[in-house]
Amino acid sequence: MLTLASLLNEDMDMDITGVLKTLSGFVGKDSWVVQVFVVVFMTLVLNYLQRRMLNKLQVQVEKTSTYWDDVVINALKKPLTMLVWIVGIAFAMNIIRREAGAAIFDAIDPVRDSGIIATLAWFLVGLITQAKTNIIAQREARGEPYDLTTMDAIAKLLRVSVMITAALVVLQTLGFSVSGVLAFGGIGGIAVGFAAKDLLANFFGGLMIYLDRPFAVGDWIRSPDRDIEGTVEHIGWRLTRIRTFQLRPLFIPNSTFATIAVENPSRMSNRRIYETIGIRYDDASKMADIVRDVEKMLREHSEINANQTLMVSFNTFAPSSLDFFIYTFTKTKEWVYYHNVKQDVLLRILKIIESHGAQVAFPTSTVHIPHGLLMWPETEEKEDKVPKR
């Protein structure tokens, strides 16, 4: 005798069996869909695993004293994710191509190879950038000197080389003849050179700045040939930006520096004090003592570099004064502090002159009246003032 429970169990068994038969028929007929799903799922899993692995690896390498492992991990994160997806999607598209047979899927292989090359170039560019950043940070932490301009130039050249090489390899992968492209570039380069000669002149001007290094970012420069003076803020491939002392940005094409003289006061070893001081002719007998004491004061001054040229000498019979000059160099190169030192030196010179009972001269004129000059008598002056009738 059949019960209700047995009937329900039989109906349920029949439903499950039907579903399994349907799924097996679907898988057998459209197995490529399952394969595509499995490939995409495995790509997701692989991407998750590599991200977890890189994160854990980064925690470990940050504890080491070397910075190259940090550079590689930081540069590898995003390109590796992109590489996993490129390979996984290309694998899935190949499965679809075998089933669909459409001509558009023939582009999968070259696009995949181009994507892998671009990802590798992305990694190398990131590696160069991270290496530059880490080297600067390490040297700043250790207090070691570094040339920012040279490091920028090397990083830019390496990045450009990587991108040009990657572009040529991609063209070769896509079926283009690289030799033909280079030949076309050689012919077209002549036309481009004439059309963009100013741009190329600025580019090579920037290259010469990077190689010769007449100045670097942060230097104070000026040109006696042009009205150019200020602090270098940025050196680009076409323009150099200078911040003038009026705090205005000045943009100069790099080709300009190939035709002008550039002075770099930032690289001076000392600052010079060169002044002329005059005393009165009445104090001529005191000149030798004043000059001797001023030179002694300079040689004993804590902010004067006595190892450089130091001269104090009487040298001119001026119209209103007897002049001596001081020629010496300060130890400091800092502009504001230099003026404080110079002020102190000049005040000490004034005290030395006063201590000898002399005075600093100023422009004067002396009128000499001949001894035999006669004055008009007072009576005659009065008579001249009385009007005649």
Protein backbone atom coordinates (compact mmCIF):
# COMPACT_ATOMS: atom_id res chain seq x y z
CA MET A 1 0.00 0.00 0.00
CA LEU A 2 1.50 3.33 -1.11
CA THR A 3 1.75 6.06 1.41
CA LEU A 4 1.93 9.82 0.80
CA ALA A 5 5.59 9.95 1.85
CA SER A 6 6.61 7.28 -0.62
CA LEU A 7 4.80 9.11 -3.40
CA LEU A 8 6.58 12.36 -2.54
CA ASN A 9 9.97 10.59 -2.48
CA GLU A 10 9.33 9.05 -5.88
CA ASP A 11 8.33 12.43 -7.35
CA MET A 12 11.44 14.08 -5.85
CA ASP A 13 13.72 11.37 -7.23
CA MET A 14 12.19 11.81 -10.65
CA ASP A 15 12.75 15.66 -10.49
CA ILE A 16 16.41 15.35 -9.44
CA THR A 17 17.04 12.76 -12.10
CA GLY A 18 15.50 15.02 -14.71
CA VAL A 19 17.62 17.98 -13.63
CA LEU A 20 20.80 15.92 -13.77
CA LYS A 21 19.89 14.62 -17.21
CA THR A 22 19.24 18.17 -18.39
CA LEU A 23 22.57 19.43 -16.99
CA SER A 24 24.49 16.54 -18.48
CA GLY A 25 22.92 17.20 -21.84
CA PHE A 26 23.69 20.90 -21.57
CA VAL A 27 27.31 20.26 -20.57
CA GLY A 28 27.75 17.74 -23.32
CA LYS A 29 26.30 20.09 -25.89
CA ASP A 30 27.80 23.38 -24.67
CA SER A 31 30.89 22.28 -22.82
CA TRP A 32 32.85 25.33 -24.06
CA VAL A 33 30.70 27.55 -21.84
CA VAL A 34 31.79 25.56 -18.80
CA GLN A 35 35.38 25.76 -19.93
CA VAL A 36 35.18 29.52 -20.32
CA PHE A 37 33.60 29.80 -16.88
CA VAL A 38 36.35 27.64 -15.37
CA VAL A 39 39.09 29.72 -17.04
CA VAL A 40 37.61 33.02 -15.82
CA PHE A 41 37.11 31.58 -12.34
CA MET A 42 40.69 30.31 -12.22
CA THR A 43 41.92 33.72 -13.41
CA LEU A 44 40.08 35.33 -10.49
CA VAL A 45 41.55 32.82 -8.05
CA LEU A 46 45.07 33.20 -9.46
CA ASN A 47 44.81 36.99 -9.33
CA TYR A 48 43.64 36.84 -5.70
CA LEU A 49 46.47 34.50 -4.76
CA GLN A 50 49.19 36.57 -6.42
CA ARG A 51 47.92 39.74 -4.73
CA ARG A 52 47.93 38.03 -1.33
CA MET A 53 51.39 36.67 -1.98
CA LEU A 54 52.80 40.06 -3.06
CA ASN A 55 51.25 41.81 -0.05
CA LYS A 56 52.82 39.32 2.35
CA LEU A 57 56.11 39.51 0.48
CA GLN A 58 56.06 43.30 0.69
CA VAL A 59 55.68 43.16 4.46
CA GLN A 60 58.76 40.95 4.66
CA VAL A 61 60.96 42.98 2.29
CA GLU A 62 60.15 46.24 4.07
CA LYS A 63 62.00 44.84 7.07
CA THR A 64 65.23 44.44 5.10
CA SER A 65 67.88 47.16 4.81
CA THR A 66 68.13 47.00 1.01
CA TYR A 67 65.71 49.00 -1.11
CA TRP A 68 65.94 47.12 -4.41
CA ASP A 69 63.53 44.42 -3.22
CA ASP A 70 61.01 47.13 -2.30
CA VAL A 71 61.45 48.64 -5.76
CA VAL A 72 60.72 45.35 -7.53
CA ILE A 73 57.63 44.54 -5.42
CA ASN A 74 56.10 48.01 -5.79
CA ALA A 75 56.72 48.07 -9.53
CA LEU A 76 55.38 44.51 -10.00
CA LYS A 77 51.95 44.82 -8.34
CA LYS A 78 49.75 46.38 -11.01
CA PRO A 79 51.55 44.97 -14.09
CA LEU A 80 51.33 41.43 -12.71
CA THR A 81 47.58 41.79 -12.16
CA MET A 82 47.19 43.03 -15.71
CA LEU A 83 49.33 40.16 -17.03
CA VAL A 84 47.18 37.54 -15.27
CA TRP A 85 44.01 39.00 -16.76
CA ILE A 86 45.50 39.29 -20.26
CA VAL A 87 46.58 35.64 -20.27
CA GLY A 88 43.31 34.42 -18.72
CA ILE A 89 41.03 36.40 -21.06
CA ALA A 90 43.10 35.36 -24.09
CA PHE A 91 42.81 31.69 -23.04
CA ALA A 92 39.05 32.03 -22.68
CA MET A 93 38.75 33.78 -26.05
CA ASN A 94 40.67 30.97 -27.73
CA ILE A 95 38.08 28.50 -26.39
CA ILE A 96 35.30 30.62 -27.86
CA ARG A 97 37.18 30.91 -31.18
CA ARG A 98 37.33 27.15 -31.58
CA GLU A 99 33.57 26.95 -31.07
CA ALA A 100 32.48 30.04 -33.03
CA GLY A 101 35.09 30.06 -35.77
CA ALA A 102 34.64 33.79 -36.41
CA ALA A 103 37.44 35.62 -38.21
CA ILE A 104 37.56 38.37 -35.62
CA PHE A 105 39.02 35.97 -33.08
CA ASP A 106 42.17 35.60 -35.22
CA ALA A 107 43.39 38.85 -33.65
CA ILE A 108 43.51 37.29 -30.20
CA ASP A 109 47.11 36.03 -30.38
CA PRO A 110 48.78 39.28 -31.61
CA VAL A 111 46.67 41.37 -29.21
CA ARG A 112 47.68 39.05 -26.35
CA ASP A 113 51.37 39.28 -27.27
CA SER A 114 51.14 43.06 -27.60
CA GLY A 115 49.45 43.25 -24.20
CA ILE A 116 52.20 41.15 -22.61
CA ILE A 117 54.88 43.40 -24.13
CA ALA A 118 53.06 46.53 -22.96
CA THR A 119 52.74 45.06 -19.47
CA LEU A 120 56.46 44.29 -19.39
CA ALA A 121 57.22 47.86 -20.49
CA TRP A 122 54.86 49.15 -17.78
CA PHE A 123 56.79 47.12 -15.20
CA LEU A 124 60.17 48.43 -16.39
CA VAL A 125 59.00 52.06 -16.43
CA GLY A 126 57.60 51.65 -12.92
CA LEU A 127 60.83 49.97 -11.82
CA ILE A 128 62.88 52.94 -13.07
CA THR A 129 60.60 55.46 -11.36
CA GLN A 130 60.54 53.54 -8.07
CA ALA A 131 64.32 53.09 -8.15
CA LYS A 132 64.84 56.85 -8.59
CA THR A 133 62.42 57.65 -5.74
CA ASN A 134 63.97 55.11 -3.38
CA ILE A 135 67.55 56.18 -4.12
CA ILE A 136 66.68 59.82 -3.34
CA ALA A 137 64.88 58.81 -0.13
CA GLN A 138 67.78 56.63 1.03
CA ARG A 139 70.39 59.31 0.38
CA GLU A 140 68.33 61.96 2.13
CA ALA A 141 67.91 59.66 5.12
CA ARG A 142 71.66 59.07 5.28
CA GLY A 143 72.52 62.71 4.63
CA GLU A 144 74.47 61.82 1.49
CA PRO A 145 74.68 64.32 -1.39
CA TYR A 146 73.00 63.57 -4.72
CA ASP A 147 72.50 65.34 -8.04
CA LEU A 148 68.76 65.54 -8.70
CA THR A 149 69.23 66.91 -12.23
CA THR A 150 71.41 63.98 -13.31
CA MET A 151 69.07 61.44 -11.75
CA ASP A 152 66.10 63.00 -13.56
CA ALA A 153 67.98 62.90 -16.86
CA ILE A 154 68.99 59.24 -16.48
CA ALA A 155 65.47 58.22 -15.46
CA LYS A 156 63.92 60.06 -18.42
CA LEU A 157 66.37 58.53 -20.90
CA LEU A 158 65.76 55.03 -19.57
CA ARG A 159 61.97 55.44 -19.68
CA VAL A 160 62.08 56.76 -23.23
CA SER A 161 64.34 53.88 -24.29
CA VAL A 162 61.97 51.30 -22.79
CA MET A 163 58.90 52.84 -24.44
CA ILE A 164 60.56 53.11 -27.87
CA THR A 165 61.82 49.52 -27.69
CA ALA A 166 58.38 48.26 -26.60
CA ALA A 167 56.70 50.14 -29.45
CA LEU A 168 59.04 48.61 -32.02
CA VAL A 169 58.53 45.09 -30.63
CA VAL A 170 54.74 45.58 -30.67
CA LEU A 171 54.90 46.68 -34.32
CA GLN A 172 56.96 43.60 -35.15
CA THR A 173 54.43 41.42 -33.30
CA LEU A 174 51.53 42.93 -35.23
CA GLY A 175 53.19 42.05 -38.52
CA PHE A 176 54.79 45.34 -39.45
CA SER A 177 58.34 45.41 -40.76
CA VAL A 178 60.47 47.21 -38.24
CA SER A 179 63.18 47.85 -40.82
CA GLY A 180 60.59 49.52 -43.04
CA VAL A 181 59.35 51.61 -40.14
CA LEU A 182 62.90 52.68 -39.29
CA ALA A 183 63.60 53.53 -42.94
CA PHE A 184 60.39 55.55 -43.12
CA GLY A 185 61.34 57.22 -39.86
CA GLY A 186 64.73 58.16 -41.29
CA ILE A 187 63.17 59.80 -44.34
CA GLY A 188 60.39 61.40 -42.36
CA GLY A 189 62.87 62.52 -39.74
CA ILE A 190 64.50 64.86 -42.24
CA ALA A 191 61.17 66.57 -42.94
CA VAL A 192 60.30 66.66 -39.25
CA GLY A 193 63.74 68.08 -38.48
CA PHE A 194 63.19 71.04 -40.79
CA ALA A 195 59.63 71.59 -39.58
CA ALA A 196 60.47 71.32 -35.88
CA LYS A 197 64.06 72.56 -35.76
CA ASP A 198 63.31 74.86 -32.81
CA LEU A 199 61.76 71.99 -30.88
CA LEU A 200 64.74 69.75 -31.62
CA ALA A 201 67.15 72.56 -30.72
CA ASN A 202 65.43 72.89 -27.34
CA PHE A 203 65.53 69.11 -26.87
CA PHE A 204 69.27 68.89 -27.54
CA GLY A 205 69.79 72.03 -25.48
CA GLY A 206 68.13 70.27 -22.55
CA LEU A 207 70.27 67.20 -23.21
CA MET A 208 73.42 69.33 -23.05
CA ILE A 209 72.26 70.84 -19.77
CA TYR A 210 71.84 67.33 -18.34
CA LEU A 211 75.24 66.20 -19.61
CA ASP A 212 77.35 69.32 -18.98
CA ARG A 213 75.46 70.29 -15.79
CA PRO A 214 76.25 74.04 -15.78
CA PHE A 215 73.44 74.34 -13.24
CA ALA A 216 70.98 72.12 -11.41
CA VAL A 217 67.58 72.46 -9.80
CA GLY A 218 67.86 74.82 -6.84
CA ASP A 219 70.87 76.78 -8.19
CA TRP A 220 70.88 80.54 -8.43
CA ILE A 221 71.96 81.53 -11.94
CA ARG A 222 72.23 84.71 -13.97
CA SER A 223 73.39 85.70 -17.43
CA PRO A 224 75.39 88.83 -18.28
CA ASP A 225 74.12 88.54 -21.87
CA ARG A 226 70.41 88.48 -21.06
CA ASP A 227 68.16 89.79 -18.32
CA ILE A 228 68.05 86.38 -16.64
CA GLU A 229 68.51 85.89 -12.92
CA GLY A 230 66.80 83.65 -10.41
CA THR A 231 66.59 80.18 -8.92
CA VAL A 232 66.19 77.12 -11.17
CA GLU A 233 62.96 75.29 -10.33
CA HIS A 234 62.65 72.77 -13.17
CA ILE A 235 64.70 71.60 -16.16
CA GLY A 236 62.50 70.06 -18.85
CA TRP A 237 63.27 68.73 -22.30
CA ARG A 238 62.03 71.96 -23.93
CA LEU A 239 61.90 74.65 -21.26
CA THR A 240 63.72 75.55 -18.08
CA ARG A 241 61.68 77.30 -15.38
CA ILE A 242 63.46 79.93 -13.28
CA ARG A 243 61.90 81.74 -10.31
CA THR A 244 63.13 85.34 -10.36
CA PHE A 245 63.81 87.33 -7.19
CA GLN A 246 60.47 89.08 -7.78
CA LEU A 247 58.98 85.54 -7.31
CA ARG A 248 57.82 85.45 -10.92
CA PRO A 249 58.29 82.33 -13.05
CA LEU A 250 60.56 82.79 -16.06
CA PHE A 251 60.35 80.16 -18.83
CA ILE A 252 63.45 79.94 -21.03
CA PRO A 253 63.84 77.64 -24.09
CA ASN A 254 66.75 75.31 -23.56
CA SER A 255 68.36 76.30 -26.86
CA THR A 256 68.97 79.77 -25.38
CA PHE A 257 71.59 78.39 -23.00
CA ALA A 258 73.71 77.24 -25.95
CA THR A 259 74.20 80.84 -27.11
CA ILE A 260 74.61 82.79 -23.86
CA ALA A 261 77.06 82.87 -20.97
CA VAL A 262 75.60 81.62 -17.70
CA GLU A 263 77.00 82.47 -14.28
CA ASN A 264 76.25 80.13 -11.40
CA PRO A 265 76.80 82.03 -8.12
CA SER A 266 75.41 79.07 -6.15
CA ARG A 267 78.66 77.22 -6.73
CA MET A 268 80.88 79.95 -5.30
CA SER A 269 83.22 78.83 -2.57
CA ASN A 270 83.16 82.18 -0.70
CA ARG A 271 81.59 85.61 -0.98
CA ARG A 272 83.81 88.64 -1.59
CA ILE A 273 83.97 91.96 0.24
CA TYR A 274 85.54 94.63 -1.94
CA GLU A 275 85.13 98.17 -0.64
CA THR A 276 86.98 101.48 -0.95
CA ILE A 277 87.16 103.82 2.07
CA GLY A 278 88.52 107.38 2.04
CA ILE A 279 89.93 109.51 4.84
CA ARG A 280 90.68 113.26 4.88
CA TYR A 281 93.90 114.69 3.53
CA ASP A 282 94.41 116.18 6.99
CA ASP A 283 94.76 112.60 8.31
CA ALA A 284 97.45 111.56 5.84
CA SER A 285 99.94 110.84 8.60
CA LYS A 286 97.60 108.28 10.12
CA MET A 287 96.98 106.26 6.94
CA ALA A 288 99.71 103.65 7.56
CA ASP A 289 98.46 102.84 11.07
CA ILE A 290 94.83 102.63 9.92
CA VAL A 291 95.68 100.27 7.08
CA ARG A 292 97.75 98.05 9.40
CA ASP A 293 95.00 97.82 12.04
CA VAL A 294 92.27 97.13 9.48
CA GLU A 295 94.27 94.25 7.99
CA LYS A 296 94.93 92.84 11.47
CA MET A 297 91.20 93.05 12.27
CA LEU A 298 90.29 91.17 9.08
CA ARG A 299 92.81 88.40 9.69
CA GLU A 300 91.49 87.88 13.21
CA HIS A 301 87.80 88.09 12.26
CA SER A 302 86.02 84.76 12.84
CA GLU A 303 83.89 85.06 9.68
CA ILE A 304 86.69 86.04 7.27
CA ASN A 305 88.52 83.31 5.38
CA ALA A 306 92.16 84.24 5.85
CA ASN A 307 93.25 81.42 3.53
CA GLN A 308 91.83 83.32 0.56
CA THR A 309 93.27 86.55 -0.88
CA LEU A 310 93.21 89.29 1.76
CA MET A 311 94.43 92.78 0.90
CA VAL A 312 94.22 96.17 2.61
CA SER A 313 96.13 98.87 0.76
CA PHE A 314 96.27 102.63 0.26
CA ASN A 315 95.95 103.17 -3.48
CA THR A 316 94.41 106.48 -4.57
CA PHE A 317 94.82 110.22 -4.14
CA ALA A 318 91.18 111.10 -4.78
CA PRO A 319 89.93 114.68 -5.29
CA SER A 320 88.53 114.88 -1.74
CA SER A 321 90.09 111.96 0.08
CA LEU A 322 92.93 109.51 0.49
CA ASP A 323 91.47 106.12 -0.44
CA PHE A 324 92.39 102.63 0.69
CA PHE A 325 90.58 99.43 -0.27
CA ILE A 326 89.80 96.12 1.43
CA TYR A 327 89.66 92.91 -0.58
CA THR A 328 88.71 89.76 1.31
CA PHE A 329 86.35 86.76 1.33
CA THR A 330 83.83 85.59 3.90
CA LYS A 331 83.48 82.01 5.03
CA THR A 332 79.74 81.99 4.46
CA LYS A 333 78.06 81.72 1.07
CA GLU A 334 74.57 82.45 2.39
CA TRP A 335 73.43 85.83 1.03
CA VAL A 336 71.62 87.22 4.08
CA TYR A 337 74.31 86.22 6.58
CA TYR A 338 76.99 87.59 4.24
CA HIS A 339 75.51 91.08 4.57
CA ASN A 340 75.53 90.77 8.34
CA VAL A 341 79.24 89.92 8.22
CA LYS A 342 79.95 92.75 5.79
CA GLN A 343 78.12 95.23 8.05
CA ASP A 344 80.17 94.12 11.04
CA VAL A 345 83.42 94.55 9.08
CA LEU A 346 82.53 98.07 7.94
CA LEU A 347 81.50 99.15 11.45
CA ARG A 348 84.81 97.87 12.82
CA ILE A 349 86.67 99.85 10.16
CA LEU A 350 84.83 103.01 11.25
CA LYS A 351 85.87 102.40 14.85
CA ILE A 352 89.50 101.90 13.82
CA ILE A 353 89.50 105.19 11.90
CA GLU A 354 87.93 107.03 14.83
CA SER A 355 90.36 105.42 17.30
CA HIS A 356 93.23 107.07 15.43
CA GLY A 357 91.56 110.47 15.59
CA ALA A 358 90.85 110.47 11.86
CA GLN A 359 87.62 110.94 9.96
CA VAL A 360 86.04 109.40 6.89
CA ALA A 361 86.19 111.92 4.06
CA PHE A 362 83.26 113.20 2.04
CA PRO A 363 83.27 115.35 -1.13
CA THR A 364 84.35 118.90 -0.25
CA SER A 365 85.46 122.02 -2.11
CA THR A 366 88.01 124.55 -0.80
CA VAL A 367 88.04 128.14 -2.09
CA HIS A 368 91.41 129.94 -1.87
CA ILE A 369 91.17 133.79 -1.90
CA PRO A 370 94.23 135.63 -3.20
CA HIS A 371 95.99 137.70 -0.50
CA GLY A 372 95.96 141.00 -2.38
CA LEU A 373 92.25 141.07 -3.20
CA LEU A 374 90.82 144.54 -2.23
CA MET A 375 87.36 144.99 -0.76
CA TRP A 376 85.15 147.95 -1.57
CA PRO A 377 85.26 150.61 1.20
CA GLU A 378 82.21 150.82 3.34
CA THR A 379 81.77 154.56 2.53
CA GLU A 380 81.75 153.93 -1.15
CA GLU A 381 79.16 151.15 -0.74
CA LYS A 382 76.89 153.55 1.14
CA GLU A 383 77.35 156.25 -1.43
CA ASP A 384 76.49 153.83 -4.19
CA LYS A 385 73.26 152.94 -2.44
CA VAL A 386 72.16 156.63 -2.17
CA PRO A 387 70.11 157.53 -5.23
CA LYS A 388 71.40 160.46 -7.21
CA ARG A 389 69.17 163.41 -8.03
